Structure formats: C-alpha cells, structure tokens
C-alpha atoms as a PDB file:
ATOM      1  CA  MET A   1       0.000   0.000   0.000  1.00  0.00           C
ATOM      2  CA  THR A   2       1.289   3.466  -0.933  1.00  0.00           C
ATOM      3  CA  ASP A   3       2.344   5.547   2.064  1.00  0.00           C
ATOM      4  CA  VAL A   4       0.532   8.810   2.722  1.00  0.00           C
ATOM      5  CA  LYS A   5       2.459  11.776   4.097  1.00  0.00           C
ATOM      6  CA  ILE A   6       0.238  13.587   6.601  1.00  0.00           C
ATOM      7  CA  ILE A   7       1.057  17.277   7.032  1.00  0.00           C
ATOM      8  CA  ARG A   8      -0.246  17.877  10.520  1.00  0.00           C
ATOM      9  CA  CYS A   9      -1.853  21.048  11.848  1.00  0.00           C
ATOM     10  CA  THR A  10       0.338  22.749  14.436  1.00  0.00           C
ATOM     11  CA  GLU A  11      -2.048  25.417  15.787  1.00  0.00           C
ATOM     12  CA  PRO A  12      -5.429  24.848  17.518  1.00  0.00           C
ATOM     13  CA  ASP A  13      -7.235  27.410  15.324  1.00  0.00           C
ATOM     14  CA  GLU A  14      -5.214  26.869  12.144  1.00  0.00           C
ATOM     15  CA  LEU A  15      -8.265  26.199   9.974  1.00  0.00           C
ATOM     16  CA  TYR A  16     -10.047  29.403  10.994  1.00  0.00           C
ATOM     17  CA  ARG A  17      -9.648  32.484   8.822  1.00  0.00           C
ATOM     18  CA  HIS A  18     -12.047  35.410   8.612  1.00  0.00           C
ATOM     19  CA  TYR A  19     -10.961  38.101   6.184  1.00  0.00           C
ATOM     20  CA  ASP A  20     -11.828  41.701   6.935  1.00  0.00           C
ATOM     21  CA  GLY A  21     -14.800  42.817   4.877  1.00  0.00           C
ATOM     22  CA  GLN A  22     -16.257  39.317   4.575  1.00  0.00           C
ATOM     23  CA  SER A  23     -19.474  38.416   6.389  1.00  0.00           C
ATOM     24  CA  GLU A  24     -18.453  34.798   6.945  1.00  0.00           C
ATOM     25  CA  PRO A  25     -15.191  33.008   7.710  1.00  0.00           C
ATOM     26  CA  GLN A  26     -13.485  31.011   4.974  1.00  0.00           C
ATOM     27  CA  GLY A  27     -14.443  27.405   4.437  1.00  0.00           C
ATOM     28  CA  ALA A  28     -12.085  24.581   5.358  1.00  0.00           C
ATOM     29  CA  TYR A  29     -11.084  21.370   3.631  1.00  0.00           C
ATOM     30  CA  ILE A  30      -8.897  18.297   3.729  1.00  0.00           C
ATOM     31  CA  GLU A  31      -6.779  17.873   0.603  1.00  0.00           C
ATOM     32  CA  LEU A  32      -5.149  14.783  -0.854  1.00  0.00           C
ATOM     33  CA  ASP A  33      -2.379  15.657  -3.317  1.00  0.00           C
ATOM     34  CA  LEU A  34      -2.120  12.677  -5.668  1.00  0.00           C
ATOM     35  CA  GLN A  35       1.202  13.802  -7.143  1.00  0.00           C
ATOM     36  CA  GLN A  36       2.924  14.576  -3.843  1.00  0.00           C
ATOM     37  CA  GLY A  37       1.268  11.773  -1.870  1.00  0.00           C
ATOM     38  CA  SER A  38       0.343  14.189   0.913  1.00  0.00           C
ATOM     39  CA  LEU A  39      -2.721  14.806   3.045  1.00  0.00           C
ATOM     40  CA  LEU A  40      -3.316  18.172   4.707  1.00  0.00           C
ATOM     41  CA  ALA A  41      -6.038  20.353   6.198  1.00  0.00           C
ATOM     42  CA  ASP A  42      -6.344  24.054   5.452  1.00  0.00           C
ATOM     43  CA  TYR A  43      -8.744  26.963   5.049  1.00  0.00           C
ATOM     44  CA  ASP A  44      -9.808  28.140   1.606  1.00  0.00           C
ATOM     45  CA  ALA A  45      -7.614  31.141   0.859  1.00  0.00           C
ATOM     46  CA  GLU A  46      -9.702  32.162  -2.157  1.00  0.00           C
ATOM     47  CA  VAL A  47     -12.684  34.508  -1.828  1.00  0.00           C
ATOM     48  CA  GLY A  48     -15.475  33.738  -4.261  1.00  0.00           C
ATOM     49  CA  GLY A  49     -14.999  30.027  -4.774  1.00  0.00           C
ATOM     50  CA  GLY A  50     -12.122  29.881  -7.260  1.00  0.00           C
ATOM     51  CA  VAL A  51      -9.778  26.873  -7.182  1.00  0.00           C
ATOM     52  CA  PRO A  52      -6.203  26.283  -8.393  1.00  0.00           C
ATOM     53  CA  ALA A  53      -5.681  24.446 -11.678  1.00  0.00           C
ATOM     54  CA  ALA A  54      -4.369  21.370  -9.861  1.00  0.00           C
ATOM     55  CA  VAL A  55      -7.697  21.100  -8.012  1.00  0.00           C
ATOM     56  CA  TYR A  56      -9.749  21.750 -11.139  1.00  0.00           C
ATOM     57  CA  HIS A  57      -7.914  19.005 -13.033  1.00  0.00           C
ATOM     58  CA  GLY A  58      -8.217  16.521 -10.168  1.00  0.00           C
ATOM     59  CA  PHE A  59      -4.623  16.202  -9.011  1.00  0.00           C
ATOM     60  CA  GLU A  60      -5.423  17.777  -5.659  1.00  0.00           C
ATOM     61  CA  ARG A  61      -8.635  16.304  -4.217  1.00  0.00           C
ATOM     62  CA  ARG A  62     -10.425  18.585  -1.754  1.00  0.00           C
ATOM     63  CA  TYR A  63     -13.085  17.507   0.737  1.00  0.00           C
ATOM     64  CA  SER A  64     -15.052  20.162   2.604  1.00  0.00           C
ATOM     65  CA  ILE A  65     -15.067  20.015   6.397  1.00  0.00           C
ATOM     66  CA  PRO A  66     -16.272  22.329   9.167  1.00  0.00           C
ATOM     67  CA  VAL A  67     -13.704  24.555  10.859  1.00  0.00           C
ATOM     68  CA  LEU A  68     -12.152  21.826  13.005  1.00  0.00           C
ATOM     69  CA  THR A  69      -9.633  22.267  15.772  1.00  0.00           C
ATOM     70  CA  GLY A  70      -6.096  21.338  14.820  1.00  0.00           C
ATOM     71  CA  ALA A  71      -6.271  18.218  16.975  1.00  0.00           C
ATOM     72  CA  ALA A  72      -9.535  17.090  15.384  1.00  0.00           C
ATOM     73  CA  ALA A  73      -8.208  17.679  11.874  1.00  0.00           C
ATOM     74  CA  ASN A  74      -5.084  15.652  12.639  1.00  0.00           C
ATOM     75  CA  ARG A  75      -7.190  12.814  14.024  1.00  0.00           C
ATOM     76  CA  VAL A  76      -9.469  12.783  10.986  1.00  0.00           C
ATOM     77  CA  MET A  77      -6.524  12.713   8.579  1.00  0.00           C
ATOM     78  CA  GLU A  78      -5.178   9.666  10.403  1.00  0.00           C
ATOM     79  CA  GLU A  79      -8.609   8.037  10.094  1.00  0.00           C
ATOM     80  CA  ILE A  80      -8.874   8.530   6.337  1.00  0.00           C
ATOM     81  CA  ALA A  81      -5.195   7.805   5.562  1.00  0.00           C
ATOM     82  CA  PRO A  82      -5.836   4.137   4.618  1.00  0.00           C
ATOM     83  CA  MET A  83      -8.465   5.239   2.088  1.00  0.00           C
ATOM     84  CA  ALA A  84      -6.165   7.972   0.782  1.00  0.00           C
ATOM     85  CA  ALA A  85      -3.423   5.358   0.313  1.00  0.00           C
ATOM     86  CA  ARG A  86      -5.765   3.308  -1.887  1.00  0.00           C
ATOM     87  CA  MET A  87      -6.347   6.387  -4.031  1.00  0.00           C
ATOM     88  CA  LEU A  88      -2.615   7.027  -4.386  1.00  0.00           C
ATOM     89  CA  ALA A  89      -2.155   3.457  -5.594  1.00  0.00           C
ATOM     90  CA  ASP A  90      -4.887   3.628  -8.236  1.00  0.00           C
ATOM     91  CA  TRP A  91      -4.813   6.724 -10.419  1.00  0.00           C
ATOM     92  CA  GLU A  92      -3.159   7.924 -13.610  1.00  0.00           C
ATOM     93  CA  GLU A  93      -2.476  11.146 -15.476  1.00  0.00           C
ATOM     94  CA  VAL A  94      -4.273  11.240 -18.826  1.00  0.00           C
ATOM     95  CA  TRP A  95      -5.001  13.676 -21.664  1.00  0.00           C
ATOM     96  CA  ASP A  96      -8.694  14.566 -21.831  1.00  0.00           C
ATOM     97  CA  GLY A  97      -8.456  16.353 -25.162  1.00  0.00           C
ATOM     98  CA  ASN A  98      -7.696  19.724 -23.611  1.00  0.00           C
ATOM     99  CA  ASN A  99      -5.564  19.185 -20.506  1.00  0.00           C
ATOM    100  CA  MET A 100      -3.670  16.599 -18.538  1.00  0.00           C
ATOM    101  CA  VAL A 101      -6.012  15.442 -15.766  1.00  0.00           C
ATOM    102  CA  ALA A 102      -6.073  12.870 -12.994  1.00  0.00           C
ATOM    103  CA  ARG A 103      -8.224   9.798 -13.584  1.00  0.00           C
ATOM    104  CA  LEU A 104      -9.088   7.543 -10.661  1.00  0.00           C
ATOM    105  CA  GLY A 105      -9.262   3.790 -10.982  1.00  0.00           C
ATOM    106  CA  GLU A 106     -12.210   1.777  -9.739  1.00  0.00           C
ATOM    107  CA  ASP A 107     -10.812   1.162  -6.261  1.00  0.00           C
ATOM    108  CA  ALA A 108      -9.671   4.780  -5.954  1.00  0.00           C
ATOM    109  CA  GLN A 109     -13.196   5.936  -6.756  1.00  0.00           C
ATOM    110  CA  ALA A 110     -14.575   3.615  -4.092  1.00  0.00           C
ATOM    111  CA  ALA A 111     -11.999   4.870  -1.582  1.00  0.00           C
ATOM    112  CA  GLU A 112     -12.871   8.495  -2.354  1.00  0.00           C
ATOM    113  CA  ALA A 113     -16.561   7.727  -1.774  1.00  0.00           C
ATOM    114  CA  GLU A 114     -15.596   6.250   1.606  1.00  0.00           C
ATOM    115  CA  ILE A 115     -13.651   9.403   2.494  1.00  0.00           C
ATOM    116  CA  GLU A 116     -16.625  11.572   1.592  1.00  0.00           C
ATOM    117  CA  GLU A 117     -18.919   9.408   3.695  1.00  0.00           C
ATOM    118  CA  HIS A 118     -16.486   9.513   6.619  1.00  0.00           C
ATOM    119  CA  LEU A 119     -16.441  13.312   6.418  1.00  0.00           C
ATOM    120  CA  GLY A 120     -20.233  13.528   6.343  1.00  0.00           C
ATOM    121  CA  GLN A 121     -20.537  14.433   2.670  1.00  0.00           C
ATOM    122  CA  SER A 122     -22.838  11.541   1.776  1.00  0.00           C
ATOM    123  CA  TYR A 123     -26.440  12.596   1.223  1.00  0.00           C
ATOM    124  CA  SER A 124     -29.017  10.638   3.216  1.00  0.00           C
ATOM    125  CA  GLY A 125     -32.198  12.202   1.840  1.00  0.00           C
ATOM    126  CA  MET A 126     -32.523  14.243   5.025  1.00  0.00           C
ATOM    127  CA  GLY A 127     -29.419  16.304   4.359  1.00  0.00           C
ATOM    128  CA  PHE A 128     -25.701  15.731   4.761  1.00  0.00           C
ATOM    129  CA  GLU A 129     -24.643  13.595   7.704  1.00  0.00           C
ATOM    130  CA  GLN A 130     -23.160  15.222  10.809  1.00  0.00           C
ATOM    131  CA  ALA A 131     -19.756  13.586  11.153  1.00  0.00           C
ATOM    132  CA  PHE A 132     -18.257  15.690  13.926  1.00  0.00           C
ATOM    133  CA  ASP A 133     -18.996  16.400  17.572  1.00  0.00           C
ATOM    134  CA  ASP A 134     -19.169  19.961  18.882  1.00  0.00           C
ATOM    135  CA  SER A 135     -15.908  19.273  20.702  1.00  0.00           C
ATOM    136  CA  ASP A 136     -14.196  18.867  17.296  1.00  0.00           C
ATOM    137  CA  LEU A 137     -15.215  22.334  16.112  1.00  0.00           C
ATOM    138  CA  VAL A 138     -13.640  25.722  16.674  1.00  0.00           C
ATOM    139  CA  ALA A 139     -16.229  27.743  18.611  1.00  0.00           C
ATOM    140  CA  GLN A 140     -16.809  30.970  16.660  1.00  0.00           C
ATOM    141  CA  TRP A 141     -18.040  34.053  18.540  1.00  0.00           C
ATOM    142  CA  ASP A 142     -18.947  37.463  17.222  1.00  0.00           C
ATOM    143  CA  ILE A 143     -17.686  40.537  19.014  1.00  0.00           C
ATOM    144  CA  ASP A 144     -21.080  41.456  20.483  1.00  0.00           C
ATOM    145  CA  GLY A 145     -21.497  38.049  22.074  1.00  0.00           C
ATOM    146  CA  ALA A 146     -17.949  37.896  23.378  1.00  0.00           C
ATOM    147  CA  THR A 147     -17.626  41.323  25.018  1.00  0.00           C
ATOM    148  CA  ASN A 148     -19.626  43.397  27.475  1.00  0.00           C
ATOM    149  CA  GLY A 149     -18.186  46.892  27.025  1.00  0.00           C
ATOM    150  CA  HIS A 150     -16.433  46.866  30.410  1.00  0.00           C
ATOM    151  CA  GLU A 151     -13.169  45.207  29.365  1.00  0.00           C
ATOM    152  CA  ALA A 152     -11.107  48.339  30.116  1.00  0.00           C
ATOM    153  CA  GLU A 153     -12.141  48.210  33.765  1.00  0.00           C
ATOM    154  CA  GLU A 154     -12.024  44.421  34.053  1.00  0.00           C
ATOM    155  CA  TYR A 155      -8.537  44.035  32.602  1.00  0.00           C
ATOM    156  CA  GLY A 156      -7.002  47.364  33.553  1.00  0.00           C
ATOM    157  CA  ILE A 157      -6.608  48.637  29.989  1.00  0.00           C
ATOM    158  CA  THR A 158      -5.180  52.149  29.799  1.00  0.00           C
ATOM    159  CA  ALA A 159      -3.807  54.421  27.086  1.00  0.00           C
ATOM    160  CA  GLU A 160      -0.355  52.961  27.823  1.00  0.00           C
ATOM    161  CA  THR A 161      -1.290  49.270  27.666  1.00  0.00           C
ATOM    162  CA  SER A 162       1.158  47.469  25.374  1.00  0.00           C
ATOM    163  CA  ASP A 163       0.284  45.352  22.356  1.00  0.00           C
ATOM    164  CA  GLU A 164       1.686  42.354  24.215  1.00  0.00           C
ATOM    165  CA  ARG A 165      -0.687  42.918  27.134  1.00  0.00           C
ATOM    166  CA  LEU A 166      -3.654  43.322  24.779  1.00  0.00           C
ATOM    167  CA  ALA A 167      -2.723  39.998  23.180  1.00  0.00           C
ATOM    168  CA  GLU A 168      -2.683  38.399  26.640  1.00  0.00           C
ATOM    169  CA  ILE A 169      -6.124  39.840  27.384  1.00  0.00           C
ATOM    170  CA  ALA A 170      -7.488  38.547  24.063  1.00  0.00           C
ATOM    171  CA  ALA A 171      -6.098  35.094  24.830  1.00  0.00           C
ATOM    172  CA  LYS A 172      -7.707  35.127  28.279  1.00  0.00           C
ATOM    173  CA  ILE A 173     -11.092  36.148  26.862  1.00  0.00           C
ATOM    174  CA  THR A 174     -11.046  33.428  24.199  1.00  0.00           C
ATOM    175  CA  LYS A 175      -9.908  30.822  26.751  1.00  0.00           C
ATOM    176  CA  GLU A 176     -12.837  31.687  29.002  1.00  0.00           C
ATOM    177  CA  LEU A 177     -15.234  31.498  26.048  1.00  0.00           C
ATOM    178  CA  ALA A 178     -13.900  28.058  25.135  1.00  0.00           C
ATOM    179  CA  GLU A 179     -14.647  26.899  28.655  1.00  0.00           C
ATOM    180  CA  CYS A 180     -18.312  27.865  28.165  1.00  0.00           C
ATOM    181  CA  GLY A 181     -18.948  25.092  25.657  1.00  0.00           C
ATOM    182  CA  GLU A 182     -17.772  21.692  24.499  1.00  0.00           C
ATOM    183  CA  SER A 183     -14.998  22.930  22.228  1.00  0.00           C
ATOM    184  CA  THR A 184     -11.549  23.545  23.668  1.00  0.00           C
ATOM    185  CA  VAL A 185     -10.804  26.251  21.078  1.00  0.00           C
ATOM    186  CA  ALA A 186     -12.638  29.551  20.625  1.00  0.00           C
ATOM    187  CA  VAL A 187     -12.097  32.479  18.275  1.00  0.00           C
ATOM    188  CA  VAL A 188     -13.607  35.972  18.209  1.00  0.00           C
ATOM    189  CA  HIS A 189     -13.508  37.853  14.922  1.00  0.00           C
ATOM    190  CA  GLY A 190     -12.438  41.451  15.544  1.00  0.00           C
ATOM    191  CA  LEU A 191     -11.391  41.024  19.178  1.00  0.00           C
ATOM    192  CA  ASP A 192      -7.871  42.407  18.667  1.00  0.00           C
ATOM    193  CA  ASP A 193      -9.250  45.479  16.895  1.00  0.00           C
ATOM    194  CA  TYR A 194     -11.860  45.930  19.622  1.00  0.00           C
ATOM    195  CA  LEU A 195      -9.225  45.992  22.367  1.00  0.00           C
ATOM    196  CA  ARG A 196      -6.987  48.354  20.414  1.00  0.00           C
ATOM    197  CA  ASP A 197      -9.953  50.672  19.858  1.00  0.00           C
ATOM    198  CA  LEU A 198     -10.576  50.721  23.624  1.00  0.00           C
ATOM    199  CA  ARG A 199      -6.974  51.766  24.176  1.00  0.00           C
ATOM    200  CA  ALA A 200      -7.239  54.436  21.482  1.00  0.00           C
ATOM    201  CA  GLU A 201     -10.410  55.868  23.045  1.00  0.00           C
ATOM    202  CA  LEU A 202      -8.673  56.096  26.425  1.00  0.00           C
ATOM    203  CA  ALA A 203      -5.712  57.839  24.784  1.00  0.00           C
ATOM    204  CA  GLU A 204      -8.050  60.381  23.186  1.00  0.00           C
ATOM    205  CA  GLN A 205      -9.744  61.023  26.525  1.00  0.00           C
ATOM    206  CA  ALA A 206      -6.385  61.588  28.183  1.00  0.00           C
ATOM    207  CA  ALA A 207      -5.169  63.981  25.491  1.00  0.00           C
END
C-alpha cells in the first residue's frame, strides 16, 4: 500500500480564517495531493470560490469540512489515511483532449466515496450527515457576544497598555469562552481590533 504523508496542523485554530470585509469566515477542507502523496487540512484562501488548476484538473482532491480544531483535523486525517493510500495506488495522469487530468481507478473511486462518507458528505435524503462532535469544532463568537463593554475596567486597559498585554487579554477572553462550551478552542472575529480601539479611546480622553 502506498504511504501517505500527513502534514499535521500545528495550531489549535489553524483552519479558521475570517478576512476583513467578509461576512463569513473562509471554508475549510482536507486535501489529498495525488502527485505529492500528501494529506493536509487548510482553510480556503480564495474569496469567491475559485480553485487552483491542480484542483480543477483533479490532481489535488479537496473535501469540505467544518472549521475543526487542529487536533480534530489531525485525528481525521489519520482516520482517512488508509483510504487515501488506496487512491494514491490507483490513479493515472491522462489527456482529456484539452488538458492533462487525474483519472481515478475503480478502487480509488470507491476509496474516495468512503472518504466523503467519513467526512459527512454523503447525502441521506434528510441532508448531509453530521460527522463531527461539537468538541471537534472551533467555537466561533462574534464581538457582540464575546464582550460586554467593560473590558477596560475588568482588565485594567489604559492608554499605555502594550500590544503584548492586549494579546494576553485577548487570549484570556477566548480561553474563558472556550470553557463555556464543548470545544476547547474559541475564536472571536475582531477582538484584537476591539481591544486596540478601547486603548485608542482612552488615549483620546487623556489627550
């Protein structure tokens, strides 16, 4: 069986990315690179749904997933590695009349269907299956739900508070939010900007 190289996530919130100006965070996926023999998890860096040529032509196979914690993504990649290995052992590069594309063999197609089912992408008639527990997901909070407007008093923020201290405060807030639910990882879009704005307002008041 062909070995699969798993490129592991190294950060708890590695799959979370919310670009400024976008109403929703980016989607996430697990990708099997047939040419490199690698399996990785990442967020979709493209806005608007575009994909690289290697994905379009089938050499890089992407499977949508929720925004998982790094630990959950690593676990899932280990779980699907045997199926990914079957795909690596049963594909070829062919000319389709316009481009070189990847063509899966019969067993590779079956293995890919098993991966999709494992990731909850199989359709049951009632919708797509839920394949992950809440503890696997990054808990996503908006700024209104995560703050109360009294952070300056609670954390001693002043006009002179350093960036390093603001980062510590943001980490403490997100840690406490994570403890409110089943997930061990929480993120708050805009929290860093919110804390810096508090500091700026205090600086203006002191001027």
